[in-house]
Structure formats: structure tokens, C-alpha cells
Amino acid sequence: TKKVKNPEAYGVVNLNEKNEIIELVEKPEEYVSDQAVIGIYYFKDVAQ
């Protein structure tokens, strides 16, 4: 992710108190976070 000034224009992540991603929100009308998804992902086992 990348911190952005206008998160309403992006898909962003919603984090819990452990800084774990619990939700992906596309162009949120209300503030969710300022961390935009940039299209790069790591999977410990991509078979999942």
C-alpha cells in the first residue's frame, strides 16, 4: 500500500488494532484509511 491524500479515489485497506487487513474497500465515500492498494501482493502459499 501507499499513503495517499485522497483515499476516496482508490481502493484502500481497512485495518484492525493489530494492523491486520480485515477489509478491502473500493473508493470509500466515508473515511476508512489512507492506505491505497497499489496492485502488488505477496502470498506465503499462493495455492490458497
All heavy atoms as atom14 arrays in JSON, in Angstrom:
{
  "sequence": "TKKVKNPEAYGVVNLNEKNEIIELVEKPEEYVSDQAVIGIYYFKDVAQ",
  "atom14_mask": [
    [1, 1, 1, 1, 1, 1, 1, 0, 0, 0, 0, 0, 0, 0],
    [1, 1, 1, 1, 1, 1, 1, 1, 1, 0, 0, 0, 0, 0],
    [1, 1, 1, 1, 1, 1, 1, 1, 1, 0, 0, 0, 0, 0],
    [1, 1, 1, 1, 1, 1, 1, 0, 0, 0, 0, 0, 0, 0],
    [1, 1, 1, 1, 1, 1, 1, 1, 1, 0, 0, 0, 0, 0],
    [1, 1, 1, 1, 1, 1, 1, 1, 0, 0, 0, 0, 0, 0],
    [1, 1, 1, 1, 1, 1, 1, 0, 0, 0, 0, 0, 0, 0],
    [1, 1, 1, 1, 1, 1, 1, 1, 1, 0, 0, 0, 0, 0],
    [1, 1, 1, 1, 1, 0, 0, 0, 0, 0, 0, 0, 0, 0],
    [1, 1, 1, 1, 1, 1, 1, 1, 1, 1, 1, 1, 0, 0],
    [1, 1, 1, 1, 0, 0, 0, 0, 0, 0, 0, 0, 0, 0],
    [1, 1, 1, 1, 1, 1, 1, 0, 0, 0, 0, 0, 0, 0],
    [1, 1, 1, 1, 1, 1, 1, 0, 0, 0, 0, 0, 0, 0],
    [1, 1, 1, 1, 1, 1, 1, 1, 0, 0, 0, 0, 0, 0],
    [1, 1, 1, 1, 1, 1, 1, 1, 0, 0, 0, 0, 0, 0],
    [1, 1, 1, 1, 1, 1, 1, 1, 0, 0, 0, 0, 0, 0],
    [1, 1, 1, 1, 1, 1, 1, 1, 1, 0, 0, 0, 0, 0],
    [1, 1, 1, 1, 1, 1, 1, 1, 1, 0, 0, 0, 0, 0],
    [1, 1, 1, 1, 1, 1, 1, 1, 0, 0, 0, 0, 0, 0],
    [1, 1, 1, 1, 1, 1, 1, 1, 1, 0, 0, 0, 0, 0],
    [1, 1, 1, 1, 1, 1, 1, 1, 0, 0, 0, 0, 0, 0],
    [1, 1, 1, 1, 1, 1, 1, 1, 0, 0, 0, 0, 0, 0],
    [1, 1, 1, 1, 1, 1, 1, 1, 1, 0, 0, 0, 0, 0],
    [1, 1, 1, 1, 1, 1, 1, 1, 0, 0, 0, 0, 0, 0],
    [1, 1, 1, 1, 1, 1, 1, 0, 0, 0, 0, 0, 0, 0],
    [1, 1, 1, 1, 1, 1, 1, 1, 1, 0, 0, 0, 0, 0],
    [1, 1, 1, 1, 1, 1, 1, 1, 1, 0, 0, 0, 0, 0],
    [1, 1, 1, 1, 1, 1, 1, 0, 0, 0, 0, 0, 0, 0],
    [1, 1, 1, 1, 1, 1, 1, 1, 1, 0, 0, 0, 0, 0],
    [1, 1, 1, 1, 1, 1, 1, 1, 1, 0, 0, 0, 0, 0],
    [1, 1, 1, 1, 1, 1, 1, 1, 1, 1, 1, 1, 0, 0],
    [1, 1, 1, 1, 1, 1, 1, 0, 0, 0, 0, 0, 0, 0],
    [1, 1, 1, 1, 1, 1, 0, 0, 0, 0, 0, 0, 0, 0],
    [1, 1, 1, 1, 1, 1, 1, 1, 0, 0, 0, 0, 0, 0],
    [1, 1, 1, 1, 1, 1, 1, 1, 1, 0, 0, 0, 0, 0],
    [1, 1, 1, 1, 1, 0, 0, 0, 0, 0, 0, 0, 0, 0],
    [1, 1, 1, 1, 1, 1, 1, 0, 0, 0, 0, 0, 0, 0],
    [1, 1, 1, 1, 1, 1, 1, 1, 0, 0, 0, 0, 0, 0],
    [1, 1, 1, 1, 0, 0, 0, 0, 0, 0, 0, 0, 0, 0],
    [1, 1, 1, 1, 1, 1, 1, 1, 0, 0, 0, 0, 0, 0],
    [1, 1, 1, 1, 1, 1, 1, 1, 1, 1, 1, 1, 0, 0],
    [1, 1, 1, 1, 1, 1, 1, 1, 1, 1, 1, 1, 0, 0],
    [1, 1, 1, 1, 1, 1, 1, 1, 1, 1, 1, 0, 0, 0],
    [1, 1, 1, 1, 1, 1, 1, 1, 1, 0, 0, 0, 0, 0],
    [1, 1, 1, 1, 1, 1, 1, 1, 0, 0, 0, 0, 0, 0],
    [1, 1, 1, 1, 1, 1, 1, 0, 0, 0, 0, 0, 0, 0],
    [1, 1, 1, 1, 1, 0, 0, 0, 0, 0, 0, 0, 0, 0],
    [1, 1, 1, 1, 1, 1, 1, 1, 1, 0, 0, 0, 0, 0]
  ],
  "atom14_positions": [
    [[0.83, -1.19, 0.0], [0.0, 0.0, 0.0], [0.87, 1.25, 0.0], [2.06, 1.2, 0.29], [-0.93, 0.05, 1.23], [-0.12, 0.15, 2.42], [-1.81, -1.19, 1.32], [0.0, 0.0, 0.0], [0.0, 0.0, 0.0], [0.0, 0.0, 0.0], [0.0, 0.0, 0.0], [0.0, 0.0, 0.0], [0.0, 0.0, 0.0], [0.0, 0.0, 0.0]],
    [[0.23, 2.37, -0.3], [0.9, 3.68, -0.25], [-0.06, 4.69, 0.36], [-1.24, 4.73, 0.01], [1.28, 4.15, -1.66], [1.95, 5.54, -1.69], [3.32, 5.49, -1.06], [4.09, 6.81, -1.21], [3.54, 7.92, -0.41], [0.0, 0.0, 0.0], [0.0, 0.0, 0.0], [0.0, 0.0, 0.0], [0.0, 0.0, 0.0], [0.0, 0.0, 0.0]],
    [[0.43, 5.48, 1.3], [-0.38, 6.52, 1.91], [-0.71, 7.58, 0.86], [0.16, 8.09, 0.16], [0.37, 7.16, 3.08], [-0.44, 8.18, 3.85], [0.35, 8.7, 5.05], [-0.47, 9.71, 5.84], [0.25, 10.2, 7.03], [0.0, 0.0, 0.0], [0.0, 0.0, 0.0], [0.0, 0.0, 0.0], [0.0, 0.0, 0.0], [0.0, 0.0, 0.0]],
    [[-2.01, 7.93, 0.75], [-2.47, 8.89, -0.26], [-3.28, 9.99, 0.41], [-3.84, 9.82, 1.49], [-3.31, 8.2, -1.35], [-2.46, 7.24, -2.16], [-4.52, 7.47, -0.75], [0.0, 0.0, 0.0], [0.0, 0.0, 0.0], [0.0, 0.0, 0.0], [0.0, 0.0, 0.0], [0.0, 0.0, 0.0], [0.0, 0.0, 0.0], [0.0, 0.0, 0.0]],
    [[-3.34, 11.12, -0.25], [-4.07, 12.27, 0.29], [-5.57, 12.19, 0.02], [-6.36, 12.8, 0.75], [-3.5, 13.57, -0.3], [-2.07, 13.87, 0.11], [-1.59, 15.17, -0.52], [-0.16, 15.49, -0.1], [0.34, 16.75, -0.71], [0.0, 0.0, 0.0], [0.0, 0.0, 0.0], [0.0, 0.0, 0.0], [0.0, 0.0, 0.0], [0.0, 0.0, 0.0]],
    [[-5.96, 11.48, -1.03], [-7.38, 11.39, -1.4], [-7.82, 9.93, -1.51], [-8.04, 9.41, -2.61], [-7.63, 12.12, -2.72], [-6.71, 11.64, -3.84], [-5.59, 11.21, -3.59], [-7.2, 11.71, -5.06], [0.0, 0.0, 0.0], [0.0, 0.0, 0.0], [0.0, 0.0, 0.0], [0.0, 0.0, 0.0], [0.0, 0.0, 0.0], [0.0, 0.0, 0.0]],
    [[-7.94, 9.25, -0.37], [-8.26, 7.81, -0.4], [-9.59, 7.49, -1.06], [-9.79, 6.35, -1.51], [-8.26, 7.43, 1.08], [-8.44, 8.7, 1.83], [-7.78, 9.75, 1.01], [0.0, 0.0, 0.0], [0.0, 0.0, 0.0], [0.0, 0.0, 0.0], [0.0, 0.0, 0.0], [0.0, 0.0, 0.0], [0.0, 0.0, 0.0], [0.0, 0.0, 0.0]],
    [[-10.49, 8.46, -1.14], [-11.78, 8.2, -1.77], [-11.65, 7.88, -3.25], [-12.59, 7.38, -3.88], [-12.72, 9.39, -1.57], [-12.33, 10.66, -2.3], [-11.27, 11.48, -1.59], [-10.79, 11.07, -0.51], [-10.9, 12.55, -2.13], [0.0, 0.0, 0.0], [0.0, 0.0, 0.0], [0.0, 0.0, 0.0], [0.0, 0.0, 0.0], [0.0, 0.0, 0.0]],
    [[-10.48, 8.14, -3.84], [-10.26, 7.87, -5.26], [-9.64, 6.5, -5.51], [-9.41, 6.14, -6.67], [-9.38, 8.97, -5.86], [0.0, 0.0, 0.0], [0.0, 0.0, 0.0], [0.0, 0.0, 0.0], [0.0, 0.0, 0.0], [0.0, 0.0, 0.0], [0.0, 0.0, 0.0], [0.0, 0.0, 0.0], [0.0, 0.0, 0.0], [0.0, 0.0, 0.0]],
    [[-9.37, 5.74, -4.45], [-8.64, 4.49, -4.57], [-9.37, 3.34, -3.88], [-10.31, 3.55, -3.12], [-7.24, 4.62, -3.94], [-6.38, 5.68, -4.56], [-6.39, 7.0, -4.09], [-5.54, 5.38, -5.62], [-5.6, 7.97, -4.66], [-4.73, 6.35, -6.2], [-4.76, 7.64, -5.72], [-3.97, 8.61, -6.29], [0.0, 0.0, 0.0], [0.0, 0.0, 0.0]],
    [[-8.86, 2.13, -4.13], [-9.18, 1.02, -3.27], [-8.24, 1.05, -2.08], [-7.03, 1.19, -2.25], [0.0, 0.0, 0.0], [0.0, 0.0, 0.0], [0.0, 0.0, 0.0], [0.0, 0.0, 0.0], [0.0, 0.0, 0.0], [0.0, 0.0, 0.0], [0.0, 0.0, 0.0], [0.0, 0.0, 0.0], [0.0, 0.0, 0.0], [0.0, 0.0, 0.0]],
    [[-8.79, 0.97, -0.86], [-7.96, 1.09, 0.34], [-8.17, -0.13, 1.24], [-9.1, -0.92, 1.06], [-8.3, 2.38, 1.13], [-8.06, 3.61, 0.26], [-9.74, 2.35, 1.64], [0.0, 0.0, 0.0], [0.0, 0.0, 0.0], [0.0, 0.0, 0.0], [0.0, 0.0, 0.0], [0.0, 0.0, 0.0], [0.0, 0.0, 0.0], [0.0, 0.0, 0.0]],
    [[-7.27, -0.26, 2.23], [-7.38, -1.36, 3.19], [-7.96, -0.82, 4.5], [-7.71, 0.32, 4.89], [-6.01, -2.01, 3.46], [-5.47, -2.66, 2.19], [-5.0, -1.0, 4.02], [0.0, 0.0, 0.0], [0.0, 0.0, 0.0], [0.0, 0.0, 0.0], [0.0, 0.0, 0.0], [0.0, 0.0, 0.0], [0.0, 0.0, 0.0], [0.0, 0.0, 0.0]],
    [[-8.73, -1.66, 5.15], [-9.24, -1.38, 6.49], [-8.46, -2.24, 7.47], [-8.36, -3.46, 7.3], [-10.73, -1.69, 6.56], [-11.36, -1.25, 7.87], [-10.73, -0.53, 8.66], [-12.6, -1.65, 8.11], [0.0, 0.0, 0.0], [0.0, 0.0, 0.0], [0.0, 0.0, 0.0], [0.0, 0.0, 0.0], [0.0, 0.0, 0.0], [0.0, 0.0, 0.0]],
    [[-7.87, -1.61, 8.5], [-7.0, -2.3, 9.43], [-7.66, -2.42, 10.8], [-8.39, -1.53, 11.23], [-5.67, -1.55, 9.58], [-4.88, -1.29, 8.29], [-3.7, -0.39, 8.58], [-4.42, -2.6, 7.68], [0.0, 0.0, 0.0], [0.0, 0.0, 0.0], [0.0, 0.0, 0.0], [0.0, 0.0, 0.0], [0.0, 0.0, 0.0], [0.0, 0.0, 0.0]],
    [[-7.34, -3.52, 11.53], [-7.79, -3.65, 12.91], [-6.71, -3.13, 13.86], [-5.69, -2.58, 13.43], [-8.18, -5.1, 13.23], [-7.0, -6.07, 13.14], [-5.83, -5.65, 13.08], [-7.3, -7.36, 13.12], [0.0, 0.0, 0.0], [0.0, 0.0, 0.0], [0.0, 0.0, 0.0], [0.0, 0.0, 0.0], [0.0, 0.0, 0.0], [0.0, 0.0, 0.0]],
    [[-6.92, -3.32, 15.16], [-5.99, -2.79, 16.15], [-4.63, -3.47, 16.09], [-3.63, -2.95, 16.61], [-6.57, -2.92, 17.56], [-6.78, -4.35, 18.04], [-8.05, -5.0, 17.48], [-8.79, -4.29, 16.74], [-8.28, -6.18, 17.75], [0.0, 0.0, 0.0], [0.0, 0.0, 0.0], [0.0, 0.0, 0.0], [0.0, 0.0, 0.0], [0.0, 0.0, 0.0]],
    [[-4.54, -4.62, 15.44], [-3.26, -5.32, 15.28], [-2.57, -4.96, 13.96], [-1.58, -5.58, 13.6], [-3.49, -6.84, 15.33], [-4.06, -7.35, 16.64], [-4.26, -8.86, 16.57], [-4.88, -9.41, 17.84], [-5.1, -10.88, 17.73], [0.0, 0.0, 0.0], [0.0, 0.0, 0.0], [0.0, 0.0, 0.0], [0.0, 0.0, 0.0], [0.0, 0.0, 0.0]],
    [[-3.1, -3.97, 13.26], [-2.6, -3.58, 11.95], [-2.7, -4.71, 10.94], [-1.87, -4.83, 10.03], [-1.16, -3.06, 12.03], [-1.1, -1.63, 12.53], [-1.99, -0.83, 12.24], [-0.07, -1.3, 13.28], [0.0, 0.0, 0.0], [0.0, 0.0, 0.0], [0.0, 0.0, 0.0], [0.0, 0.0, 0.0], [0.0, 0.0, 0.0], [0.0, 0.0, 0.0]],
    [[-3.71, -5.54, 11.1], [-4.02, -6.58, 10.12], [-5.12, -6.08, 9.2], [-6.04, -5.37, 9.63], [-4.47, -7.85, 10.84], [-3.41, -8.47, 11.73], [-3.95, -9.58, 12.61], [-5.19, -9.76, 12.66], [-3.14, -10.29, 13.23], [0.0, 0.0, 0.0], [0.0, 0.0, 0.0], [0.0, 0.0, 0.0], [0.0, 0.0, 0.0], [0.0, 0.0, 0.0]],
    [[-5.02, -6.45, 7.95], [-6.06, -6.05, 6.98], [-7.29, -6.93, 7.17], [-7.2, -8.16, 7.1], [-5.55, -6.18, 5.54], [-4.27, -5.35, 5.34], [-6.62, -5.74, 4.55], [-3.58, -5.58, 4.01], [0.0, 0.0, 0.0], [0.0, 0.0, 0.0], [0.0, 0.0, 0.0], [0.0, 0.0, 0.0], [0.0, 0.0, 0.0], [0.0, 0.0, 0.0]],
    [[-8.41, -6.3, 7.42], [-9.65, -7.07, 7.62], [-10.66, -6.81, 6.51], [-11.69, -7.5, 6.44], [-10.29, -6.74, 8.98], [-10.54, -5.24, 9.12], [-9.4, -7.25, 10.12], [-11.32, -4.85, 10.37], [0.0, 0.0, 0.0], [0.0, 0.0, 0.0], [0.0, 0.0, 0.0], [0.0, 0.0, 0.0], [0.0, 0.0, 0.0], [0.0, 0.0, 0.0]],
    [[-10.37, -5.83, 5.64], [-11.34, -5.5, 4.6], [-10.66, -4.71, 3.49], [-9.72, -3.94, 3.72], [-12.47, -4.65, 5.21], [-13.64, -4.38, 4.28], [-14.71, -3.53, 4.95], [-14.43, -2.91, 6.0], [-15.83, -3.47, 4.4], [0.0, 0.0, 0.0], [0.0, 0.0, 0.0], [0.0, 0.0, 0.0], [0.0, 0.0, 0.0], [0.0, 0.0, 0.0]],
    [[-11.12, -4.93, 2.26], [-10.74, -4.11, 1.12], [-11.95, -3.29, 0.71], [-13.04, -3.83, 0.51], [-10.29, -4.99, -0.05], [-9.08, -5.9, 0.19], [-8.81, -6.74, -1.06], [-7.85, -5.09, 0.55], [0.0, 0.0, 0.0], [0.0, 0.0, 0.0], [0.0, 0.0, 0.0], [0.0, 0.0, 0.0], [0.0, 0.0, 0.0], [0.0, 0.0, 0.0]],
    [[-11.78, -1.98, 0.6], [-12.9, -1.09, 0.28], [-12.54, -0.27, -0.95], [-11.52, 0.42, -0.98], [-13.22, -0.15, 1.46], [-14.46, 0.69, 1.13], [-13.42, -0.94, 2.75], [0.0, 0.0, 0.0], [0.0, 0.0, 0.0], [0.0, 0.0, 0.0], [0.0, 0.0, 0.0], [0.0, 0.0, 0.0], [0.0, 0.0, 0.0], [0.0, 0.0, 0.0]],
    [[-13.38, -0.36, -1.97], [-13.13, 0.34, -3.22], [-13.74, 1.73, -3.19], [-14.95, 1.89, -2.99], [-13.7, -0.47, -4.4], [-13.39, 0.09, -5.76], [-11.9, 0.05, -6.1], [-11.19, -0.82, -5.54], [-11.46, 0.86, -6.93], [0.0, 0.0, 0.0], [0.0, 0.0, 0.0], [0.0, 0.0, 0.0], [0.0, 0.0, 0.0], [0.0, 0.0, 0.0]],
    [[-12.92, 2.75, -3.34], [-13.33, 4.15, -3.4], [-14.35, 4.49, -2.32], [-15.51, 4.81, -2.6], [-13.89, 4.47, -4.79], [-12.84, 4.34, -5.9], [-13.38, 4.7, -7.26], [-12.29, 4.57, -8.32], [-12.79, 4.9, -9.68], [0.0, 0.0, 0.0], [0.0, 0.0, 0.0], [0.0, 0.0, 0.0], [0.0, 0.0, 0.0], [0.0, 0.0, 0.0]],
    [[-13.93, 4.45, -1.07], [-14.88, 4.65, 0.05], [-15.43, 6.08, 0.09], [-14.69, 7.05, -0.05], [-14.01, 4.37, 1.28], [-12.62, 4.67, 0.84], [-12.55, 4.27, -0.6], [0.0, 0.0, 0.0], [0.0, 0.0, 0.0], [0.0, 0.0, 0.0], [0.0, 0.0, 0.0], [0.0, 0.0, 0.0], [0.0, 0.0, 0.0], [0.0, 0.0, 0.0]],
    [[-16.73, 6.19, 0.29], [-17.36, 7.5, 0.42], [-17.07, 8.1, 1.8], [-17.0, 9.31, 1.95], [-18.86, 7.39, 0.18], [-19.21, 6.98, -1.25], [-20.71, 6.91, -1.48], [-21.47, 7.24, -0.54], [-21.13, 6.55, -2.6], [0.0, 0.0, 0.0], [0.0, 0.0, 0.0], [0.0, 0.0, 0.0], [0.0, 0.0, 0.0], [0.0, 0.0, 0.0]],
    [[-16.94, 7.23, 2.8], [-16.55, 7.66, 4.13], [-15.15, 7.14, 4.44], [-14.74, 6.1, 3.94], [-17.55, 7.15, 5.18], [-18.96, 7.72, 4.99], [-19.9, 7.24, 6.08], [-19.45, 6.5, 6.98], [-21.08, 7.61, 6.04], [0.0, 0.0, 0.0], [0.0, 0.0, 0.0], [0.0, 0.0, 0.0], [0.0, 0.0, 0.0], [0.0, 0.0, 0.0]],
    [[-14.42, 7.86, 5.29], [-13.02, 7.53, 5.55], [-12.88, 6.14, 6.17], [-13.56, 5.8, 7.14], [-12.41, 8.56, 6.49], [-10.93, 8.32, 6.76], [-9.97, 8.77, 5.87], [-10.52, 7.61, 7.89], [-8.62, 8.55, 6.11], [-9.16, 7.38, 8.13], [-8.22, 7.85, 7.23], [-6.9, 7.62, 7.46], [0.0, 0.0, 0.0], [0.0, 0.0, 0.0]],
    [[-12.01, 5.33, 5.57], [-11.67, 4.01, 6.08], [-10.2, 3.99, 6.5], [-9.85, 3.61, 7.61], [-11.95, 2.92, 5.02], [-11.46, 1.56, 5.51], [-13.42, 2.88, 4.66], [0.0, 0.0, 0.0], [0.0, 0.0, 0.0], [0.0, 0.0, 0.0], [0.0, 0.0, 0.0], [0.0, 0.0, 0.0], [0.0, 0.0, 0.0], [0.0, 0.0, 0.0]],
    [[-9.32, 4.37, 5.6], [-7.9, 4.55, 5.87], [-7.31, 5.32, 4.71], [-7.98, 5.55, 3.68], [-7.18, 3.22, 6.04], [-6.88, 2.64, 4.78], [0.0, 0.0, 0.0], [0.0, 0.0, 0.0], [0.0, 0.0, 0.0], [0.0, 0.0, 0.0], [0.0, 0.0, 0.0], [0.0, 0.0, 0.0], [0.0, 0.0, 0.0], [0.0, 0.0, 0.0]],
    [[-6.06, 5.73, 4.86], [-5.39, 6.44, 3.76], [-4.35, 5.56, 3.08], [-3.47, 6.05, 2.37], [-4.74, 7.73, 4.27], [-3.73, 7.5, 5.38], [-3.44, 6.32, 5.7], [-3.23, 8.49, 5.94], [0.0, 0.0, 0.0], [0.0, 0.0, 0.0], [0.0, 0.0, 0.0], [0.0, 0.0, 0.0], [0.0, 0.0, 0.0], [0.0, 0.0, 0.0]],
    [[-4.46, 4.23, 3.26], [-3.53, 3.28, 2.66], [-4.16, 2.67, 1.4], [-5.06, 1.84, 1.47], [-3.17, 2.18, 3.66], [-2.41, 2.69, 4.88], [-1.07, 3.29, 4.51], [-0.34, 2.76, 3.67], [-0.73, 4.4, 5.15], [0.0, 0.0, 0.0], [0.0, 0.0, 0.0], [0.0, 0.0, 0.0], [0.0, 0.0, 0.0], [0.0, 0.0, 0.0]],
    [[-3.68, 3.12, 0.23], [-4.23, 2.67, -1.04], [-3.53, 1.41, -1.53], [-2.31, 1.27, -1.41], [-4.09, 3.77, -2.08], [0.0, 0.0, 0.0], [0.0, 0.0, 0.0], [0.0, 0.0, 0.0], [0.0, 0.0, 0.0], [0.0, 0.0, 0.0], [0.0, 0.0, 0.0], [0.0, 0.0, 0.0], [0.0, 0.0, 0.0], [0.0, 0.0, 0.0]],
    [[-4.3, 0.51, -2.08], [-3.76, -0.73, -2.66], [-3.13, -0.4, -4.01], [-3.76, 0.23, -4.87], [-4.88, -1.77, -2.83], [-4.35, -3.03, -3.52], [-5.51, -2.11, -1.49], [0.0, 0.0, 0.0], [0.0, 0.0, 0.0], [0.0, 0.0, 0.0], [0.0, 0.0, 0.0], [0.0, 0.0, 0.0], [0.0, 0.0, 0.0], [0.0, 0.0, 0.0]],
    [[-1.89, -0.82, -4.22], [-1.18, -0.44, -5.44], [-1.06, -1.55, -6.47], [-0.52, -1.34, -7.55], [0.22, 0.11, -5.1], [1.14, -1.0, -4.6], [0.14, 1.25, -4.1], [2.6, -0.57, -4.45], [0.0, 0.0, 0.0], [0.0, 0.0, 0.0], [0.0, 0.0, 0.0], [0.0, 0.0, 0.0], [0.0, 0.0, 0.0], [0.0, 0.0, 0.0]],
    [[-1.56, -2.75, -6.16], [-1.55, -3.82, -7.14], [-0.37, -4.76, -7.07], [-0.02, -5.42, -8.05], [0.0, 0.0, 0.0], [0.0, 0.0, 0.0], [0.0, 0.0, 0.0], [0.0, 0.0, 0.0], [0.0, 0.0, 0.0], [0.0, 0.0, 0.0], [0.0, 0.0, 0.0], [0.0, 0.0, 0.0], [0.0, 0.0, 0.0], [0.0, 0.0, 0.0]],
    [[0.24, -4.86, -5.88], [1.34, -5.81, -5.66], [1.04, -6.58, -4.38], [0.75, -5.98, -3.35], [2.7, -5.11, -5.55], [2.94, -4.23, -6.78], [3.83, -6.13, -5.41], [4.23, -3.43, -6.73], [0.0, 0.0, 0.0], [0.0, 0.0, 0.0], [0.0, 0.0, 0.0], [0.0, 0.0, 0.0], [0.0, 0.0, 0.0], [0.0, 0.0, 0.0]],
    [[1.13, -7.91, -4.44], [0.7, -8.78, -3.35], [1.72, -9.88, -3.12], [2.32, -10.4, -4.07], [-0.65, -9.44, -3.68], [-1.71, -8.52, -4.2], [-1.74, -8.15, -5.54], [-2.72, -8.03, -3.37], [-2.73, -7.3, -6.05], [-3.71, -7.19, -3.86], [-3.7, -6.83, -5.19], [-4.68, -5.99, -5.69], [0.0, 0.0, 0.0], [0.0, 0.0, 0.0]],
    [[1.89, -10.28, -1.85], [2.7, -11.45, -1.5], [1.8, -12.49, -0.84], [0.96, -12.15, 0.0], [3.82, -11.08, -0.54], [4.43, -12.28, 0.17], [5.31, -13.13, -0.48], [4.09, -12.56, 1.5], [5.85, -14.23, 0.16], [4.62, -13.65, 2.15], [5.51, -14.49, 1.48], [6.03, -15.59, 2.13], [0.0, 0.0, 0.0], [0.0, 0.0, 0.0]],
    [[1.97, -13.75, -1.24], [1.24, -14.86, -0.63], [2.24, -15.91, -0.17], [3.09, -16.36, -0.95], [0.25, -15.47, -1.62], [-0.83, -14.52, -2.06], [-0.64, -13.7, -3.17], [-2.01, -14.41, -1.34], [-1.61, -12.8, -3.57], [-2.99, -13.51, -1.74], [-2.79, -12.71, -2.84], [0.0, 0.0, 0.0], [0.0, 0.0, 0.0], [0.0, 0.0, 0.0]],
    [[2.15, -16.29, 1.1], [3.04, -17.32, 1.64], [2.86, -18.62, 0.87], [3.83, -19.34, 0.6], [2.76, -17.54, 3.13], [3.71, -18.53, 3.79], [3.32, -18.82, 5.23], [3.47, -17.59, 6.1], [3.19, -17.89, 7.52], [0.0, 0.0, 0.0], [0.0, 0.0, 0.0], [0.0, 0.0, 0.0], [0.0, 0.0, 0.0], [0.0, 0.0, 0.0]],
    [[1.63, -18.93, 0.51], [1.33, -20.06, -0.39], [0.23, -19.6, -1.34], [-0.94, -19.55, -0.97], [0.89, -21.29, 0.38], [0.65, -22.49, -0.54], [0.89, -22.36, -1.76], [0.22, -23.55, -0.03], [0.0, 0.0, 0.0], [0.0, 0.0, 0.0], [0.0, 0.0, 0.0], [0.0, 0.0, 0.0], [0.0, 0.0, 0.0], [0.0, 0.0, 0.0]],
    [[0.62, -19.27, -2.55], [-0.32, -18.7, -3.5], [-1.38, -19.72, -3.92], [-2.41, -19.36, -4.5], [0.45, -18.13, -4.72], [0.95, -19.25, -5.63], [-0.42, -17.13, -5.48], [0.0, 0.0, 0.0], [0.0, 0.0, 0.0], [0.0, 0.0, 0.0], [0.0, 0.0, 0.0], [0.0, 0.0, 0.0], [0.0, 0.0, 0.0], [0.0, 0.0, 0.0]],
    [[-1.18, -20.98, -3.58], [-2.2, -22.0, -3.87], [-3.49, -21.71, -3.11], [-4.58, -22.07, -3.57], [-1.69, -23.39, -3.52], [0.0, 0.0, 0.0], [0.0, 0.0, 0.0], [0.0, 0.0, 0.0], [0.0, 0.0, 0.0], [0.0, 0.0, 0.0], [0.0, 0.0, 0.0], [0.0, 0.0, 0.0], [0.0, 0.0, 0.0], [0.0, 0.0, 0.0]],
    [[-3.39, -21.04, -1.95], [-4.59, -20.66, -1.21], [-5.43, -19.66, -2.02], [-6.65, -19.77, -2.07], [-4.2, -20.07, 0.14], [-3.5, -21.07, 1.07], [-2.96, -20.42, 2.32], [-2.86, -19.2, 2.41], [-2.58, -21.23, 3.3], [0.0, 0.0, 0.0], [0.0, 0.0, 0.0], [0.0, 0.0, 0.0], [0.0, 0.0, 0.0], [0.0, 0.0, 0.0]]
  ]
}
